Amino acid sequence: MFGGKTGTGSLTVTIENGRDGELLWRFFKTMGDGIATSTDDLIERMIKRWREISLIQSRQ
């Protein structure tokens, strides 16, 4: 396996009210160079972070 920089990635998740489209919750995360060894790893790390934060929010 070859290693190298993966570049950057960003993830935005929004939850909106289905009746009127009002924004209820928004999550935005960016990660930069060197945080992951592959594109797949970068995506997995972003999704994991989103899951952690969404669980914390749902418990409040």
PDB file of N, CA and C in Angstrom:
ATOM      1  N   MET A   1       0.847  -1.177   0.000  1.00  0.00           N
ATOM      2  CA  MET A   1       0.000   0.000   0.000  1.00  0.00           C
ATOM      3  C   MET A   1       0.891   1.238   0.000  1.00  0.00           C
ATOM      4  N   PHE A   2       0.521   2.205  -0.790  1.00  0.00           N
ATOM      5  CA  PHE A   2       1.257   3.455  -0.867  1.00  0.00           C
ATOM      6  C   PHE A   2       0.552   4.507  -0.023  1.00  0.00           C
ATOM      7  N   GLY A   3       1.302   5.312   0.697  1.00  0.00           N
ATOM      8  CA  GLY A   3       0.725   6.374   1.521  1.00  0.00           C
ATOM      9  C   GLY A   3       0.982   7.725   0.893  1.00  0.00           C
ATOM     10  N   GLY A   4       0.201   8.678   1.268  1.00  0.00           N
ATOM     11  CA  GLY A   4       0.372  10.025   0.772  1.00  0.00           C
ATOM     12  C   GLY A   4      -0.733  10.915   1.272  1.00  0.00           C
ATOM     13  N   LYS A   5      -0.652  12.160   0.895  1.00  0.00           N
ATOM     14  CA  LYS A   5      -1.667  13.104   1.325  1.00  0.00           C
ATOM     15  C   LYS A   5      -3.007  12.801   0.661  1.00  0.00           C
ATOM     16  N   THR A   6      -4.058  12.996   1.415  1.00  0.00           N
ATOM     17  CA  THR A   6      -5.395  12.734   0.896  1.00  0.00           C
ATOM     18  C   THR A   6      -6.102  14.010   0.460  1.00  0.00           C
ATOM     19  N   GLY A   7      -5.512  15.146   0.712  1.00  0.00           N
ATOM     20  CA  GLY A   7      -6.192  16.401   0.412  1.00  0.00           C
ATOM     21  C   GLY A   7      -7.104  16.779   1.557  1.00  0.00           C
ATOM     22  N   THR A   8      -8.212  17.398   1.244  1.00  0.00           N
ATOM     23  CA  THR A   8      -9.160  17.816   2.274  1.00  0.00           C
ATOM     24  C   THR A   8     -10.542  17.268   1.954  1.00  0.00           C
ATOM     25  N   GLY A   9     -11.373  17.250   2.957  1.00  0.00           N
ATOM     26  CA  GLY A   9     -12.750  16.806   2.763  1.00  0.00           C
ATOM     27  C   GLY A   9     -13.664  17.601   3.661  1.00  0.00           C
ATOM     28  N   SER A  10     -14.921  17.693   3.281  1.00  0.00           N
ATOM     29  CA  SER A  10     -15.906  18.355   4.132  1.00  0.00           C
ATOM     30  C   SER A  10     -17.206  17.568   4.092  1.00  0.00           C
ATOM     31  N   LEU A  11     -17.933  17.654   5.190  1.00  0.00           N
ATOM     32  CA  LEU A  11     -19.194  16.947   5.333  1.00  0.00           C
ATOM     33  C   LEU A  11     -20.206  17.909   5.927  1.00  0.00           C
ATOM     34  N   THR A  12     -21.376  18.013   5.297  1.00  0.00           N
ATOM     35  CA  THR A  12     -22.467  18.821   5.824  1.00  0.00           C
ATOM     36  C   THR A  12     -23.709  17.953   5.916  1.00  0.00           C
ATOM     37  N   VAL A  13     -24.317  17.929   7.099  1.00  0.00           N
ATOM     38  CA  VAL A  13     -25.562  17.206   7.318  1.00  0.00           C
ATOM     39  C   VAL A  13     -26.570  18.214   7.853  1.00  0.00           C
ATOM     40  N   THR A  14     -27.724  18.297   7.205  1.00  0.00           N
ATOM     41  CA  THR A  14     -28.782  19.177   7.703  1.00  0.00           C
ATOM     42  C   THR A  14     -30.049  18.367   7.935  1.00  0.00           C
ATOM     43  N   ILE A  15     -30.766  18.739   8.977  1.00  0.00           N
ATOM     44  CA  ILE A  15     -32.070  18.150   9.262  1.00  0.00           C
ATOM     45  C   ILE A  15     -33.065  19.306   9.263  1.00  0.00           C
ATOM     46  N   GLU A  16     -34.092  19.167   8.425  1.00  0.00           N
ATOM     47  CA  GLU A  16     -35.075  20.234   8.271  1.00  0.00           C
ATOM     48  C   GLU A  16     -36.470  19.719   8.559  1.00  0.00           C
ATOM     49  N   ASN A  17     -37.324  20.614   8.997  1.00  0.00           N
ATOM     50  CA  ASN A  17     -38.725  20.297   9.241  1.00  0.00           C
ATOM     51  C   ASN A  17     -39.391  19.987   7.903  1.00  0.00           C
ATOM     52  N   GLY A  18     -40.050  18.829   7.810  1.00  0.00           N
ATOM     53  CA  GLY A  18     -40.674  18.417   6.556  1.00  0.00           C
ATOM     54  C   GLY A  18     -41.861  19.264   6.148  1.00  0.00           C
ATOM     55  N   ARG A  19     -42.501  19.919   7.121  1.00  0.00           N
ATOM     56  CA  ARG A  19     -43.681  20.738   6.795  1.00  0.00           C
ATOM     57  C   ARG A  19     -43.320  22.062   6.149  1.00  0.00           C
ATOM     58  N   ASP A  20     -42.350  22.761   6.758  1.00  0.00           N
ATOM     59  CA  ASP A  20     -42.053  24.104   6.246  1.00  0.00           C
ATOM     60  C   ASP A  20     -40.598  24.316   5.838  1.00  0.00           C
ATOM     61  N   GLY A  21     -39.769  23.288   5.959  1.00  0.00           N
ATOM     62  CA  GLY A  21     -38.376  23.406   5.540  1.00  0.00           C
ATOM     63  C   GLY A  21     -37.480  24.136   6.520  1.00  0.00           C
ATOM     64  N   GLU A  22     -37.998  24.457   7.711  1.00  0.00           N
ATOM     65  CA  GLU A  22     -37.187  25.155   8.706  1.00  0.00           C
ATOM     66  C   GLU A  22     -36.002  24.286   9.122  1.00  0.00           C
ATOM     67  N   LEU A  23     -34.830  24.900   9.177  1.00  0.00           N
ATOM     68  CA  LEU A  23     -33.620  24.202   9.584  1.00  0.00           C
ATOM     69  C   LEU A  23     -33.708  23.884  11.074  1.00  0.00           C
ATOM     70  N   LEU A  24     -33.589  22.604  11.413  1.00  0.00           N
ATOM     71  CA  LEU A  24     -33.642  22.174  12.803  1.00  0.00           C
ATOM     72  C   LEU A  24     -32.258  21.912  13.369  1.00  0.00           C
ATOM     73  N   TRP A  25     -31.356  21.392  12.536  1.00  0.00           N
ATOM     74  CA  TRP A  25     -30.018  21.027  13.003  1.00  0.00           C
ATOM     75  C   TRP A  25     -29.068  20.996  11.827  1.00  0.00           C
ATOM     76  N   ARG A  26     -27.841  21.434  12.041  1.00  0.00           N
ATOM     77  CA  ARG A  26     -26.824  21.432  10.986  1.00  0.00           C
ATOM     78  C   ARG A  26     -25.489  21.025  11.575  1.00  0.00           C
ATOM     79  N   PHE A  27     -24.786  20.140  10.881  1.00  0.00           N
ATOM     80  CA  PHE A  27     -23.446  19.718  11.261  1.00  0.00           C
ATOM     81  C   PHE A  27     -22.535  19.950  10.070  1.00  0.00           C
ATOM     82  N   PHE A  28     -21.402  20.614  10.309  1.00  0.00           N
ATOM     83  CA  PHE A  28     -20.431  20.852   9.254  1.00  0.00           C
ATOM     84  C   PHE A  28     -19.049  20.530   9.795  1.00  0.00           C
ATOM     85  N   LYS A  29     -18.295  19.748   9.066  1.00  0.00           N
ATOM     86  CA  LYS A  29     -16.956  19.356   9.505  1.00  0.00           C
ATOM     87  C   LYS A  29     -16.019  19.333   8.308  1.00  0.00           C
ATOM     88  N   THR A  30     -14.829  19.897   8.480  1.00  0.00           N
ATOM     89  CA  THR A  30     -13.782  19.784   7.462  1.00  0.00           C
ATOM     90  C   THR A  30     -12.563  19.140   8.102  1.00  0.00           C
ATOM     91  N   MET A  31     -11.831  18.412   7.306  1.00  0.00           N
ATOM     92  CA  MET A  31     -10.576  17.812   7.742  1.00  0.00           C
ATOM     93  C   MET A  31      -9.543  18.064   6.663  1.00  0.00           C
ATOM     94  N   GLY A  32      -8.305  18.269   7.096  1.00  0.00           N
ATOM     95  CA  GLY A  32      -7.265  18.636   6.151  1.00  0.00           C
ATOM     96  C   GLY A  32      -6.218  17.574   5.922  1.00  0.00           C
ATOM     97  N   ASP A  33      -5.162  17.983   5.233  1.00  0.00           N
ATOM     98  CA  ASP A  33      -4.038  17.105   4.883  1.00  0.00           C
ATOM     99  C   ASP A  33      -3.486  16.386   6.104  1.00  0.00           C
ATOM    100  N   GLY A  34      -3.094  15.147   5.901  1.00  0.00           N
ATOM    101  CA  GLY A  34      -2.397  14.407   6.929  1.00  0.00           C
ATOM    102  C   GLY A  34      -3.283  13.772   7.990  1.00  0.00           C
ATOM    103  N   ILE A  35      -4.576  14.009   7.957  1.00  0.00           N
ATOM    104  CA  ILE A  35      -5.464  13.447   8.968  1.00  0.00           C
ATOM    105  C   ILE A  35      -5.814  11.999   8.663  1.00  0.00           C
ATOM    106  N   ALA A  36      -5.653  11.584   7.425  1.00  0.00           N
ATOM    107  CA  ALA A  36      -6.043  10.236   7.025  1.00  0.00           C
ATOM    108  C   ALA A  36      -5.042   9.685   6.011  1.00  0.00           C
ATOM    109  N   THR A  37      -5.024   8.362   5.895  1.00  0.00           N
ATOM    110  CA  THR A  37      -4.088   7.728   4.972  1.00  0.00           C
ATOM    111  C   THR A  37      -4.690   7.476   3.599  1.00  0.00           C
ATOM    112  N   SER A  38      -6.014   7.558   3.488  1.00  0.00           N
ATOM    113  CA  SER A  38      -6.673   7.352   2.203  1.00  0.00           C
ATOM    114  C   SER A  38      -7.993   8.125   2.190  1.00  0.00           C
ATOM    115  N   THR A  39      -8.574   8.236   1.020  1.00  0.00           N
ATOM    116  CA  THR A  39      -9.868   8.906   0.902  1.00  0.00           C
ATOM    117  C   THR A  39     -10.927   8.183   1.716  1.00  0.00           C
ATOM    118  N   ASP A  40     -10.924   6.854   1.661  1.00  0.00           N
ATOM    119  CA  ASP A  40     -11.887   6.074   2.447  1.00  0.00           C
ATOM    120  C   ASP A  40     -11.721   6.327   3.942  1.00  0.00           C
ATOM    121  N   ASP A  41     -10.479   6.389   4.404  1.00  0.00           N
ATOM    122  CA  ASP A  41     -10.210   6.654   5.815  1.00  0.00           C
ATOM    123  C   ASP A  41     -10.729   8.038   6.212  1.00  0.00           C
ATOM    124  N   LEU A  42     -10.517   9.025   5.352  1.00  0.00           N
ATOM    125  CA  LEU A  42     -10.990  10.377   5.614  1.00  0.00           C
ATOM    126  C   LEU A  42     -12.510  10.396   5.751  1.00  0.00           C
ATOM    127  N   ILE A  43     -13.210   9.738   4.850  1.00  0.00           N
ATOM    128  CA  ILE A  43     -14.669   9.683   4.893  1.00  0.00           C
ATOM    129  C   ILE A  43     -15.141   8.972   6.161  1.00  0.00           C
ATOM    130  N   GLU A  44     -14.514   7.850   6.494  1.00  0.00           N
ATOM    131  CA  GLU A  44     -14.895   7.118   7.706  1.00  0.00           C
ATOM    132  C   GLU A  44     -14.700   7.961   8.954  1.00  0.00           C
ATOM    133  N   ARG A  45     -13.620   8.715   9.027  1.00  0.00           N
ATOM    134  CA  ARG A  45     -13.368   9.574  10.189  1.00  0.00           C
ATOM    135  C   ARG A  45     -14.419  10.677  10.298  1.00  0.00           C
ATOM    136  N   MET A  46     -14.811  11.274   9.175  1.00  0.00           N
ATOM    137  CA  MET A  46     -15.826  12.326   9.204  1.00  0.00           C
ATOM    138  C   MET A  46     -17.178  11.772   9.636  1.00  0.00           C
ATOM    139  N   ILE A  47     -17.561  10.619   9.103  1.00  0.00           N
ATOM    140  CA  ILE A  47     -18.838  10.004   9.470  1.00  0.00           C
ATOM    141  C   ILE A  47     -18.829   9.619  10.950  1.00  0.00           C
ATOM    142  N   LYS A  48     -17.723   9.079  11.430  1.00  0.00           N
ATOM    143  CA  LYS A  48     -17.619   8.708  12.850  1.00  0.00           C
ATOM    144  C   LYS A  48     -17.810   9.940  13.729  1.00  0.00           C
ATOM    145  N   ARG A  49     -17.184  11.035  13.366  1.00  0.00           N
ATOM    146  CA  ARG A  49     -17.309  12.281  14.154  1.00  0.00           C
ATOM    147  C   ARG A  49     -18.752  12.771  14.138  1.00  0.00           C
ATOM    148  N   TRP A  50     -19.410  12.712  12.978  1.00  0.00           N
ATOM    149  CA  TRP A  50     -20.811  13.126  12.876  1.00  0.00           C
ATOM    150  C   TRP A  50     -21.685  12.260  13.781  1.00  0.00           C
ATOM    151  N   ARG A  51     -21.471  10.954  13.775  1.00  0.00           N
ATOM    152  CA  ARG A  51     -22.252  10.053  14.632  1.00  0.00           C
ATOM    153  C   ARG A  51     -22.068  10.393  16.105  1.00  0.00           C
ATOM    154  N   GLU A  52     -20.824  10.654  16.519  1.00  0.00           N
ATOM    155  CA  GLU A  52     -20.556  10.996  17.918  1.00  0.00           C
ATOM    156  C   GLU A  52     -21.312  12.255  18.326  1.00  0.00           C
ATOM    157  N   ILE A  53     -21.250  13.274  17.492  1.00  0.00           N
ATOM    158  CA  ILE A  53     -21.915  14.539  17.823  1.00  0.00           C
ATOM    159  C   ILE A  53     -23.425  14.392  17.781  1.00  0.00           C
ATOM    160  N   SER A  54     -23.958  13.661  16.813  1.00  0.00           N
ATOM    161  CA  SER A  54     -25.411  13.499  16.728  1.00  0.00           C
ATOM    162  C   SER A  54     -25.948  12.713  17.925  1.00  0.00           C
ATOM    163  N   LEU A  55     -25.195  11.743  18.438  1.00  0.00           N
ATOM    164  CA  LEU A  55     -25.621  11.018  19.637  1.00  0.00           C
ATOM    165  C   LEU A  55     -25.633  11.920  20.856  1.00  0.00           C
ATOM    166  N   ILE A  56     -24.619  12.770  20.987  1.00  0.00           N
ATOM    167  CA  ILE A  56     -24.568  13.715  22.104  1.00  0.00           C
ATOM    168  C   ILE A  56     -25.755  14.663  22.033  1.00  0.00           C
ATOM    169  N   GLN A  57     -26.031  15.195  20.838  1.00  0.00           N
ATOM    170  CA  GLN A  57     -27.158  16.125  20.657  1.00  0.00           C
ATOM    171  C   GLN A  57     -28.491  15.469  20.987  1.00  0.00           C
ATOM    172  N   SER A  58     -28.664  14.205  20.607  1.00  0.00           N
ATOM    173  CA  SER A  58     -29.945  13.534  20.815  1.00  0.00           C
ATOM    174  C   SER A  58     -30.196  13.235  22.292  1.00  0.00           C
ATOM    175  N   ARG A  59     -29.152  13.185  23.086  1.00  0.00           N
ATOM    176  CA  ARG A  59     -29.298  12.905  24.517  1.00  0.00           C
ATOM    177  C   ARG A  59     -29.570  14.158  25.336  1.00  0.00           C
ATOM    178  N   GLN A  60     -29.435  15.323  24.748  1.00  0.00           N
ATOM    179  CA  GLN A  60     -29.640  16.583  25.483  1.00  0.00           C
ATOM    180  C   GLN A  60     -31.092  16.986  25.494  1.00  0.00           C
TER     181      GLN A  60
END
